[in-house]
């Protein structure tokens, strides 16, 4: 495994754990060259799940793309990476449980929106502003006003 810090190919496995009913193995590794630790994940290659976009295009589900969007939404917010990975794991479980190999992007987006609304309102507004593609500041203000109204009830 190539070290993400120094690029070396010499590492050792420090810890291994199964997650998601044994479908993924999480390994903590330590580079023998720079002594820094990093995490790798091993998964079984499956047939790709396809995401149906709003415009009808289909593209393979990309775990990293979803995780990257969550990381941006939670930038400088008090949330751990493992909590974000739990959201992505839940989305993947939803895909595995689906009868077909395709899912609409709105289903994924709505699931994320619901989880973020429960976890952190700032991250929710950040994600919603991109996902819901607010046309102007009035639409964004309306969404924030809904959050304030929920707090006052």
N, C-alpha and C. Protein backbone atom coordinates (compact mmCIF):
# COMPACT_ATOMS: atom_id res chain seq x y z
N UNK A 1 0.85 -1.17 0.00
CA UNK A 1 0.00 0.00 0.00
C UNK A 1 0.89 1.23 0.00
N UNK A 2 0.58 2.18 -0.85
CA UNK A 2 1.37 3.41 -0.97
C UNK A 2 0.99 4.38 0.16
N UNK A 3 1.99 4.87 0.88
CA UNK A 3 1.77 5.82 1.98
C UNK A 3 1.29 7.15 1.40
N UNK A 4 0.16 7.70 1.90
CA UNK A 4 -0.33 8.98 1.37
C UNK A 4 0.52 10.18 1.79
N UNK A 5 1.43 9.97 2.74
CA UNK A 5 2.24 11.08 3.24
C UNK A 5 3.60 11.17 2.53
N UNK A 6 4.31 10.01 2.44
CA UNK A 6 5.66 10.05 1.85
C UNK A 6 5.75 9.30 0.53
N UNK A 7 4.71 8.54 0.18
CA UNK A 7 4.71 7.79 -1.08
C UNK A 7 5.42 6.46 -1.01
N UNK A 8 5.93 6.11 0.16
CA UNK A 8 6.63 4.84 0.30
C UNK A 8 5.70 3.63 0.17
N UNK A 9 6.25 2.50 -0.23
CA UNK A 9 5.46 1.28 -0.40
C UNK A 9 5.74 0.25 0.68
N UNK A 10 6.29 0.68 1.80
CA UNK A 10 6.66 -0.25 2.86
C UNK A 10 5.89 0.12 4.12
N UNK A 11 4.86 -0.68 4.45
CA UNK A 11 4.08 -0.39 5.65
C UNK A 11 3.73 -1.69 6.36
N UNK A 12 3.17 -1.54 7.56
CA UNK A 12 2.71 -2.71 8.29
C UNK A 12 1.30 -2.44 8.80
N UNK A 13 0.51 -3.50 8.93
CA UNK A 13 -0.85 -3.39 9.42
C UNK A 13 -0.81 -3.37 10.94
N UNK A 14 -1.38 -2.34 11.55
CA UNK A 14 -1.40 -2.18 13.00
C UNK A 14 -2.69 -2.77 13.58
N UNK A 15 -3.81 -2.60 12.86
CA UNK A 15 -5.10 -3.06 13.36
C UNK A 15 -6.02 -3.35 12.18
N UNK A 16 -6.84 -4.39 12.28
CA UNK A 16 -7.83 -4.72 11.25
C UNK A 16 -9.18 -4.93 11.91
N UNK A 17 -10.22 -4.39 11.28
CA UNK A 17 -11.57 -4.56 11.80
C UNK A 17 -12.54 -4.73 10.64
N UNK A 18 -13.53 -5.58 10.86
CA UNK A 18 -14.60 -5.74 9.89
C UNK A 18 -15.68 -4.72 10.19
N UNK A 19 -16.32 -4.24 9.15
CA UNK A 19 -17.47 -3.35 9.35
C UNK A 19 -18.53 -3.73 8.32
N UNK A 20 -19.74 -3.24 8.52
CA UNK A 20 -20.88 -3.52 7.65
C UNK A 20 -21.02 -5.00 7.35
N UNK A 21 -21.27 -5.77 8.37
CA UNK A 21 -21.51 -7.21 8.26
C UNK A 21 -20.41 -7.93 7.49
N UNK A 22 -19.18 -7.51 7.67
CA UNK A 22 -18.05 -8.20 7.07
C UNK A 22 -17.80 -7.88 5.61
N UNK A 23 -18.50 -6.89 5.06
CA UNK A 23 -18.32 -6.55 3.65
C UNK A 23 -17.11 -5.64 3.42
N UNK A 24 -16.65 -4.99 4.49
CA UNK A 24 -15.51 -4.08 4.39
C UNK A 24 -14.55 -4.40 5.52
N UNK A 25 -13.26 -4.39 5.20
CA UNK A 25 -12.24 -4.53 6.23
C UNK A 25 -11.48 -3.21 6.32
N UNK A 26 -11.46 -2.66 7.52
CA UNK A 26 -10.75 -1.41 7.78
C UNK A 26 -9.40 -1.77 8.38
N UNK A 27 -8.35 -1.26 7.79
CA UNK A 27 -7.00 -1.54 8.29
C UNK A 27 -6.28 -0.25 8.63
N UNK A 28 -5.74 -0.19 9.85
CA UNK A 28 -4.85 0.90 10.24
C UNK A 28 -3.45 0.45 9.89
N UNK A 29 -2.74 1.29 9.18
CA UNK A 29 -1.40 0.96 8.72
C UNK A 29 -0.42 2.00 9.22
N UNK A 30 0.83 1.56 9.37
CA UNK A 30 1.90 2.48 9.75
C UNK A 30 3.01 2.34 8.72
N UNK A 31 3.40 3.48 8.16
CA UNK A 31 4.47 3.49 7.17
C UNK A 31 5.79 3.23 7.86
N UNK A 32 6.58 2.29 7.34
CA UNK A 32 7.88 1.97 7.91
C UNK A 32 8.94 3.02 7.57
N UNK A 33 8.63 3.90 6.61
CA UNK A 33 9.59 4.93 6.22
C UNK A 33 9.42 6.23 7.01
N UNK A 34 8.16 6.72 7.10
CA UNK A 34 7.93 8.00 7.80
C UNK A 34 7.23 7.83 9.14
N UNK A 35 6.81 6.62 9.48
CA UNK A 35 6.17 6.28 10.76
C UNK A 35 4.80 6.91 10.96
N UNK A 36 4.20 7.45 9.92
CA UNK A 36 2.85 8.01 10.05
C UNK A 36 1.82 6.92 9.81
N UNK A 37 0.65 7.09 10.41
CA UNK A 37 -0.41 6.09 10.30
C UNK A 37 -1.51 6.58 9.34
N UNK A 38 -2.10 5.63 8.65
CA UNK A 38 -3.21 5.93 7.76
C UNK A 38 -4.16 4.73 7.72
N UNK A 39 -5.35 4.95 7.19
CA UNK A 39 -6.37 3.92 7.15
C UNK A 39 -6.62 3.50 5.71
N UNK A 40 -6.78 2.21 5.49
CA UNK A 40 -7.18 1.70 4.18
C UNK A 40 -8.42 0.84 4.37
N UNK A 41 -9.20 0.72 3.31
CA UNK A 41 -10.41 -0.09 3.34
C UNK A 41 -10.35 -1.10 2.20
N UNK A 42 -10.69 -2.33 2.52
CA UNK A 42 -10.76 -3.38 1.51
C UNK A 42 -12.20 -3.78 1.34
N UNK A 43 -12.67 -3.78 0.09
CA UNK A 43 -14.03 -4.18 -0.20
C UNK A 43 -14.04 -5.19 -1.33
N UNK A 44 -15.09 -5.94 -1.41
CA UNK A 44 -15.28 -6.87 -2.52
C UNK A 44 -15.77 -6.06 -3.71
N UNK A 45 -15.22 -6.32 -4.88
CA UNK A 45 -15.70 -5.63 -6.08
C UNK A 45 -17.06 -6.19 -6.46
N UNK A 46 -18.02 -5.30 -6.54
CA UNK A 46 -19.37 -5.65 -6.94
C UNK A 46 -19.67 -4.97 -8.26
N UNK A 47 -20.77 -5.34 -8.83
CA UNK A 47 -21.24 -4.61 -10.00
C UNK A 47 -21.62 -3.22 -9.53
N UNK A 48 -21.20 -2.23 -10.30
CA UNK A 48 -21.46 -0.85 -9.90
C UNK A 48 -22.95 -0.56 -9.77
N UNK A 49 -23.27 0.23 -8.77
CA UNK A 49 -24.61 0.78 -8.66
C UNK A 49 -24.62 2.07 -9.46
N UNK A 50 -25.71 2.30 -10.14
CA UNK A 50 -25.81 3.50 -10.96
C UNK A 50 -26.72 4.51 -10.29
N UNK A 51 -26.31 5.77 -10.38
CA UNK A 51 -27.10 6.87 -9.84
C UNK A 51 -27.73 7.59 -11.03
N UNK A 52 -29.05 7.75 -10.95
CA UNK A 52 -29.78 8.45 -12.01
C UNK A 52 -29.86 9.92 -11.61
N UNK A 53 -29.20 10.77 -12.39
CA UNK A 53 -29.14 12.19 -12.08
C UNK A 53 -30.45 12.87 -12.50
N UNK A 54 -30.65 14.10 -12.07
CA UNK A 54 -31.88 14.84 -12.37
C UNK A 54 -32.13 14.97 -13.87
N UNK A 55 -31.06 15.11 -14.65
CA UNK A 55 -31.22 15.28 -16.10
C UNK A 55 -31.32 13.96 -16.84
N UNK A 56 -31.37 12.84 -16.10
CA UNK A 56 -31.53 11.53 -16.73
C UNK A 56 -30.23 10.78 -16.97
N UNK A 57 -29.09 11.48 -16.84
CA UNK A 57 -27.81 10.79 -17.01
C UNK A 57 -27.64 9.75 -15.91
N UNK A 58 -26.85 8.73 -16.22
CA UNK A 58 -26.52 7.71 -15.23
C UNK A 58 -25.01 7.71 -15.03
N UNK A 59 -24.61 7.62 -13.77
CA UNK A 59 -23.19 7.52 -13.48
C UNK A 59 -23.01 6.56 -12.31
N UNK A 60 -21.86 5.91 -12.24
CA UNK A 60 -21.63 4.97 -11.13
C UNK A 60 -21.65 5.68 -9.78
N UNK A 61 -22.19 4.99 -8.76
CA UNK A 61 -22.16 5.55 -7.41
C UNK A 61 -20.71 5.67 -6.98
N UNK A 62 -20.37 6.82 -6.43
CA UNK A 62 -18.99 7.09 -6.01
C UNK A 62 -18.99 7.48 -4.53
N UNK A 63 -18.57 6.53 -3.71
CA UNK A 63 -18.52 6.74 -2.27
C UNK A 63 -17.70 7.98 -1.91
N UNK A 64 -16.58 8.15 -2.57
CA UNK A 64 -15.68 9.27 -2.26
C UNK A 64 -16.33 10.61 -2.60
N UNK A 65 -17.13 10.64 -3.66
CA UNK A 65 -17.80 11.88 -4.05
C UNK A 65 -18.79 12.29 -2.96
N UNK A 66 -19.55 11.34 -2.44
CA UNK A 66 -20.51 11.63 -1.37
C UNK A 66 -19.76 12.08 -0.12
N UNK A 67 -18.70 11.37 0.23
CA UNK A 67 -17.92 11.70 1.42
C UNK A 67 -17.31 13.10 1.29
N UNK A 68 -16.82 13.42 0.11
CA UNK A 68 -16.23 14.74 -0.12
C UNK A 68 -17.27 15.85 0.08
N UNK A 69 -18.49 15.63 -0.39
CA UNK A 69 -19.56 16.60 -0.19
C UNK A 69 -19.88 16.79 1.29
N UNK A 70 -19.87 15.69 2.03
CA UNK A 70 -20.13 15.78 3.47
C UNK A 70 -19.00 16.51 4.20
N UNK A 71 -17.77 16.21 3.81
CA UNK A 71 -16.62 16.88 4.44
C UNK A 71 -16.71 18.39 4.21
N UNK A 72 -17.09 18.80 3.02
CA UNK A 72 -17.23 20.23 2.74
C UNK A 72 -18.35 20.85 3.58
N UNK A 73 -19.47 20.14 3.71
CA UNK A 73 -20.59 20.67 4.49
C UNK A 73 -20.22 20.82 5.96
N UNK A 74 -19.38 19.91 6.46
CA UNK A 74 -19.02 19.93 7.88
C UNK A 74 -17.68 20.62 8.14
N UNK A 75 -17.16 21.33 7.17
CA UNK A 75 -15.88 22.01 7.35
C UNK A 75 -15.95 22.93 8.56
N UNK A 76 -14.98 22.76 9.46
CA UNK A 76 -14.86 23.54 10.70
C UNK A 76 -16.05 23.34 11.64
N UNK A 77 -16.71 22.18 11.53
CA UNK A 77 -17.82 21.85 12.42
C UNK A 77 -17.39 20.68 13.30
N UNK A 78 -17.98 20.55 14.49
CA UNK A 78 -17.57 19.50 15.43
C UNK A 78 -18.17 18.13 15.07
N UNK A 79 -17.56 17.47 14.11
CA UNK A 79 -18.04 16.15 13.68
C UNK A 79 -16.83 15.30 13.35
N UNK A 80 -16.91 14.01 13.65
CA UNK A 80 -15.78 13.13 13.37
C UNK A 80 -15.92 12.50 11.99
N UNK A 81 -14.82 12.12 11.45
CA UNK A 81 -14.81 11.47 10.14
C UNK A 81 -15.59 10.16 10.20
N UNK A 82 -15.54 9.47 11.32
CA UNK A 82 -16.27 8.20 11.43
C UNK A 82 -17.78 8.43 11.36
N UNK A 83 -18.26 9.56 11.87
CA UNK A 83 -19.69 9.86 11.77
C UNK A 83 -20.09 10.11 10.31
N UNK A 84 -19.23 10.78 9.57
CA UNK A 84 -19.51 11.01 8.15
C UNK A 84 -19.48 9.70 7.38
N UNK A 85 -18.53 8.84 7.72
CA UNK A 85 -18.45 7.53 7.06
C UNK A 85 -19.67 6.67 7.37
N UNK A 86 -20.25 6.84 8.56
CA UNK A 86 -21.47 6.12 8.91
C UNK A 86 -22.62 6.52 7.98
N UNK A 87 -22.70 7.79 7.62
CA UNK A 87 -23.73 8.25 6.70
C UNK A 87 -23.54 7.59 5.34
N UNK A 88 -22.29 7.60 4.86
CA UNK A 88 -22.01 6.99 3.55
C UNK A 88 -22.26 5.49 3.60
N UNK A 89 -21.89 4.84 4.71
CA UNK A 89 -22.16 3.41 4.87
C UNK A 89 -23.65 3.12 4.81
N UNK A 90 -24.45 3.98 5.43
CA UNK A 90 -25.90 3.80 5.41
C UNK A 90 -26.44 3.96 4.00
N UNK A 91 -25.88 4.88 3.23
CA UNK A 91 -26.31 5.05 1.83
C UNK A 91 -25.95 3.81 1.03
N UNK A 92 -24.74 3.29 1.23
CA UNK A 92 -24.34 2.07 0.52
C UNK A 92 -25.23 0.90 0.92
N UNK A 93 -25.59 0.80 2.21
CA UNK A 93 -26.49 -0.26 2.64
C UNK A 93 -27.85 -0.12 1.97
N UNK A 94 -28.30 1.12 1.81
CA UNK A 94 -29.56 1.39 1.12
C UNK A 94 -29.46 0.91 -0.34
N UNK A 95 -28.33 1.14 -0.96
CA UNK A 95 -28.12 0.67 -2.34
C UNK A 95 -28.13 -0.85 -2.41
N UNK A 96 -27.46 -1.49 -1.45
CA UNK A 96 -27.41 -2.95 -1.44
C UNK A 96 -28.78 -3.56 -1.24
N UNK A 97 -29.64 -2.89 -0.46
CA UNK A 97 -30.97 -3.40 -0.17
C UNK A 97 -31.98 -3.10 -1.28
N UNK A 98 -31.63 -2.18 -2.17
CA UNK A 98 -32.55 -1.80 -3.25
C UNK A 98 -32.75 -2.99 -4.20
N UNK A 99 -33.95 -3.12 -4.75
CA UNK A 99 -34.22 -4.26 -5.63
C UNK A 99 -33.41 -4.23 -6.93
N UNK A 100 -33.10 -3.05 -7.44
CA UNK A 100 -32.32 -2.94 -8.67
C UNK A 100 -30.94 -2.41 -8.41
N UNK A 101 -30.24 -2.12 -9.47
CA UNK A 101 -28.87 -1.60 -9.37
C UNK A 101 -28.83 -0.10 -9.63
N UNK A 102 -30.00 0.54 -9.67
CA UNK A 102 -30.06 1.97 -9.93
C UNK A 102 -30.84 2.67 -8.82
N UNK A 103 -30.43 3.90 -8.54
CA UNK A 103 -31.12 4.71 -7.54
C UNK A 103 -31.08 6.16 -8.01
N UNK A 104 -32.14 6.88 -7.75
CA UNK A 104 -32.18 8.28 -8.15
C UNK A 104 -31.36 9.12 -7.19
N UNK A 105 -30.69 10.11 -7.73
CA UNK A 105 -29.84 10.98 -6.90
C UNK A 105 -30.66 11.71 -5.84
N UNK A 106 -31.95 11.96 -6.12
CA UNK A 106 -32.80 12.64 -5.15
C UNK A 106 -32.99 11.79 -3.90
N UNK A 107 -33.05 10.47 -4.05
CA UNK A 107 -33.20 9.59 -2.89
C UNK A 107 -31.98 9.72 -1.99
N UNK A 108 -30.80 9.70 -2.60
CA UNK A 108 -29.56 9.84 -1.84
C UNK A 108 -29.50 11.23 -1.20
N UNK A 109 -29.79 12.26 -1.97
CA UNK A 109 -29.74 13.63 -1.46
C UNK A 109 -30.72 13.86 -0.32
N UNK A 110 -31.93 13.35 -0.46
CA UNK A 110 -32.93 13.52 0.60
C UNK A 110 -32.52 12.80 1.87
N UNK A 111 -31.92 11.62 1.73
CA UNK A 111 -31.43 10.89 2.91
C UNK A 111 -30.36 11.71 3.63
N UNK A 112 -29.42 12.26 2.86
CA UNK A 112 -28.35 13.07 3.45
C UNK A 112 -28.94 14.31 4.12
N UNK A 113 -29.86 14.98 3.45
CA UNK A 113 -30.49 16.18 4.00
C UNK A 113 -31.14 15.87 5.35
N UNK A 114 -31.87 14.77 5.43
CA UNK A 114 -32.54 14.40 6.69
C UNK A 114 -31.52 14.16 7.81
N UNK A 115 -30.46 13.44 7.48
CA UNK A 115 -29.44 13.16 8.50
C UNK A 115 -28.73 14.43 8.96
N UNK A 116 -28.42 15.31 8.02
CA UNK A 116 -27.72 16.55 8.38
C UNK A 116 -28.61 17.46 9.22
N UNK A 117 -29.90 17.48 8.90
CA UNK A 117 -30.83 18.32 9.66
C UNK A 117 -30.85 17.89 11.12
N UNK A 118 -30.72 16.59 11.39
CA UNK A 118 -30.69 16.07 12.75
C UNK A 118 -29.34 16.34 13.43
N UNK A 119 -28.26 16.32 12.66
CA UNK A 119 -26.91 16.38 13.23
C UNK A 119 -26.39 17.79 13.47
N UNK A 120 -26.52 18.65 12.46
CA UNK A 120 -25.88 19.96 12.53
C UNK A 120 -26.58 20.89 11.53
N UNK A 121 -27.20 21.94 12.04
CA UNK A 121 -27.97 22.83 11.18
C UNK A 121 -27.11 23.64 10.22
N UNK A 122 -25.91 23.99 10.63
CA UNK A 122 -25.02 24.75 9.74
C UNK A 122 -24.63 23.87 8.55
N UNK A 123 -24.24 22.62 8.83
CA UNK A 123 -23.89 21.70 7.75
C UNK A 123 -25.10 21.44 6.86
N UNK A 124 -26.27 21.37 7.48
CA UNK A 124 -27.50 21.17 6.72
C UNK A 124 -27.71 22.30 5.72
N UNK A 125 -27.58 23.54 6.18
CA UNK A 125 -27.79 24.69 5.29
C UNK A 125 -26.73 24.72 4.19
N UNK A 126 -25.49 24.41 4.55
CA UNK A 126 -24.42 24.38 3.53
C UNK A 126 -24.74 23.35 2.45
N UNK A 127 -25.08 22.14 2.88
CA UNK A 127 -25.36 21.07 1.92
C UNK A 127 -26.62 21.39 1.12
N UNK A 128 -27.67 21.87 1.79
CA UNK A 128 -28.93 22.17 1.12
C UNK A 128 -28.76 23.28 0.09
N UNK A 129 -27.89 24.25 0.37
CA UNK A 129 -27.71 25.35 -0.58
C UNK A 129 -27.15 24.85 -1.91
N UNK A 130 -26.35 23.81 -1.88
CA UNK A 130 -25.82 23.23 -3.11
C UNK A 130 -26.81 22.22 -3.68
N UNK A 131 -27.30 21.33 -2.84
CA UNK A 131 -28.18 20.25 -3.29
C UNK A 131 -29.50 20.78 -3.86
N UNK A 132 -30.10 21.72 -3.16
CA UNK A 132 -31.39 22.25 -3.61
C UNK A 132 -31.24 23.37 -4.62
N UNK A 133 -30.00 23.79 -4.85
CA UNK A 133 -29.69 24.79 -5.89
C UNK A 133 -30.57 26.03 -5.75
N UNK A 134 -30.47 26.67 -4.58
CA UNK A 134 -31.25 27.88 -4.34
C UNK A 134 -30.96 28.90 -5.43
N UNK A 135 -32.01 29.48 -5.98
CA UNK A 135 -31.86 30.45 -7.08
C UNK A 135 -31.37 31.80 -6.63
N UNK A 136 -31.72 32.18 -5.40
CA UNK A 136 -31.29 33.48 -4.90
C UNK A 136 -31.25 33.45 -3.37
N UNK A 137 -30.85 34.56 -2.80
CA UNK A 137 -30.69 34.66 -1.35
C UNK A 137 -32.03 34.53 -0.63
N UNK A 138 -33.13 34.88 -1.29
CA UNK A 138 -34.45 34.78 -0.67
C UNK A 138 -34.80 33.33 -0.35
N UNK A 139 -34.49 32.42 -1.27
CA UNK A 139 -34.76 31.00 -1.03
C UNK A 139 -33.91 30.46 0.12
N UNK A 140 -32.65 30.88 0.17
CA UNK A 140 -31.78 30.48 1.28
C UNK A 140 -32.30 31.02 2.60
N UNK A 141 -32.70 32.30 2.62
CA UNK A 141 -33.25 32.90 3.83
C UNK A 141 -34.51 32.16 4.28
N UNK A 142 -35.32 31.78 3.36
CA UNK A 142 -36.55 31.04 3.69
C UNK A 142 -36.22 29.73 4.40
N UNK A 143 -35.19 29.03 3.93
CA UNK A 143 -34.77 27.77 4.55
C UNK A 143 -34.24 28.01 5.96
N UNK A 144 -33.45 29.06 6.14
CA UNK A 144 -32.92 29.38 7.46
C UNK A 144 -34.06 29.80 8.40
N UNK A 145 -35.04 30.55 7.87
CA UNK A 145 -36.19 30.94 8.68
C UNK A 145 -36.96 29.72 9.19
N UNK A 146 -37.07 28.68 8.38
CA UNK A 146 -37.73 27.44 8.80
C UNK A 146 -37.02 26.83 10.00
N UNK A 147 -35.69 26.86 9.97
CA UNK A 147 -34.90 26.31 11.09
C UNK A 147 -35.16 27.13 12.36
N UNK A 148 -35.14 28.47 12.23
CA UNK A 148 -35.41 29.32 13.40
C UNK A 148 -36.81 29.08 13.95
N UNK A 149 -37.78 28.89 13.06
CA UNK A 149 -39.16 28.64 13.49
C UNK A 149 -39.25 27.33 14.26
N UNK A 150 -38.52 26.29 13.83
CA UNK A 150 -38.52 25.01 14.54
C UNK A 150 -37.95 25.16 15.95
N UNK A 151 -36.96 26.02 16.11
CA UNK A 151 -36.37 26.24 17.44
C UNK A 151 -37.30 27.00 18.37
N UNK A 152 -38.11 27.88 17.80
CA UNK A 152 -39.00 28.69 18.65
C UNK A 152 -40.27 27.93 19.03
N UNK A 153 -40.60 26.85 18.32
CA UNK A 153 -41.82 26.06 18.63
C UNK A 153 -41.63 25.16 19.82
